Amino acid sequence: MATDSNHIASMFDDIAPTYDKLNHILSLNVDKSWRRKAVKRLKKSLANVSNPKILDVACGTADSTIQIAKSIVNAEISGIDISDGMLKIGEEKVEQQGLSDRISFLKSPAENIDFQDNTFDAVFVAFGVRNFSDRMKGLGEIMRVLKTNGTLMVLELSEPQNVIVRWCYNLYFKNILPFIGKRVSGNAGAYRYLQQTVEKFPMPKEFMDMLKTIGYQDVKHKALSCGLCRIYQANKI
């Protein structure tokens, strides 16, 4: 499985033109609901912050970035990603939505975020932590750019624990998903990579322990859709 950031960036450049379409097809549009729930939690965490500054890490084609901007209307949002192809599409979508005055983009890896310490009131990562080339370093960088009392919100795919749901999940992710991915994007390898990264992602307790080891506090998580996706929330104290 690729972990080199250049290899990962190249892969996402390749699938960028069909990325949004495939996301919605492969998740049966449930990914939209997952994002809404995570952004709702993010908004609640920022209820007492006027004009918050928010960083969307691994922002991709800006689906989450736009959702945040529409939900938290007083926020200034920066999005970072390592894929030029994904960022280009994200910029076009933001311009079409008339949000260019509140959303800006920067090509930057999570492991070396190009912002000063204590810059953001919150950091949001949707389906991106599993693509970090160095997970501990990336999460540590996020803590560095968070202000004191800032919130980290992670939305990530997960292997369900229920035996029946997990059987269906394995059938879909290991067989059907790569097939559809190849037919639509021409890149079956990218969607096999997706399945592998979800499979290798830490279990909830392990990931929460990782966040605590880095120094995050008030770490908690919520399972969505029978554990197919999870929201992790933590604070920098």
Foldseek 3Di string as FASTA:
>chain_A
DDLDQVVVQVVCLLQLVCVVVLVCVLVVNVVLVLLLVLLVVVCVLCVPPAQFEEEEEQCFLPPSVVSNCVVVVSYAYEYEHQHPNRVVNNVVVCVVVVNVVRYYYDYDALLDDPDAFQAGQEYEYEQPLLNHSDNLSSLLSVLRNHHAFHKYKYKHFAQFDDPVVNVVVCCCQVPVSLVVCCVRSVCSPVSVVSSVSRVPDDDPVVVQVSSVVSPWPPWDKDADPNNRMMMIMTGHD
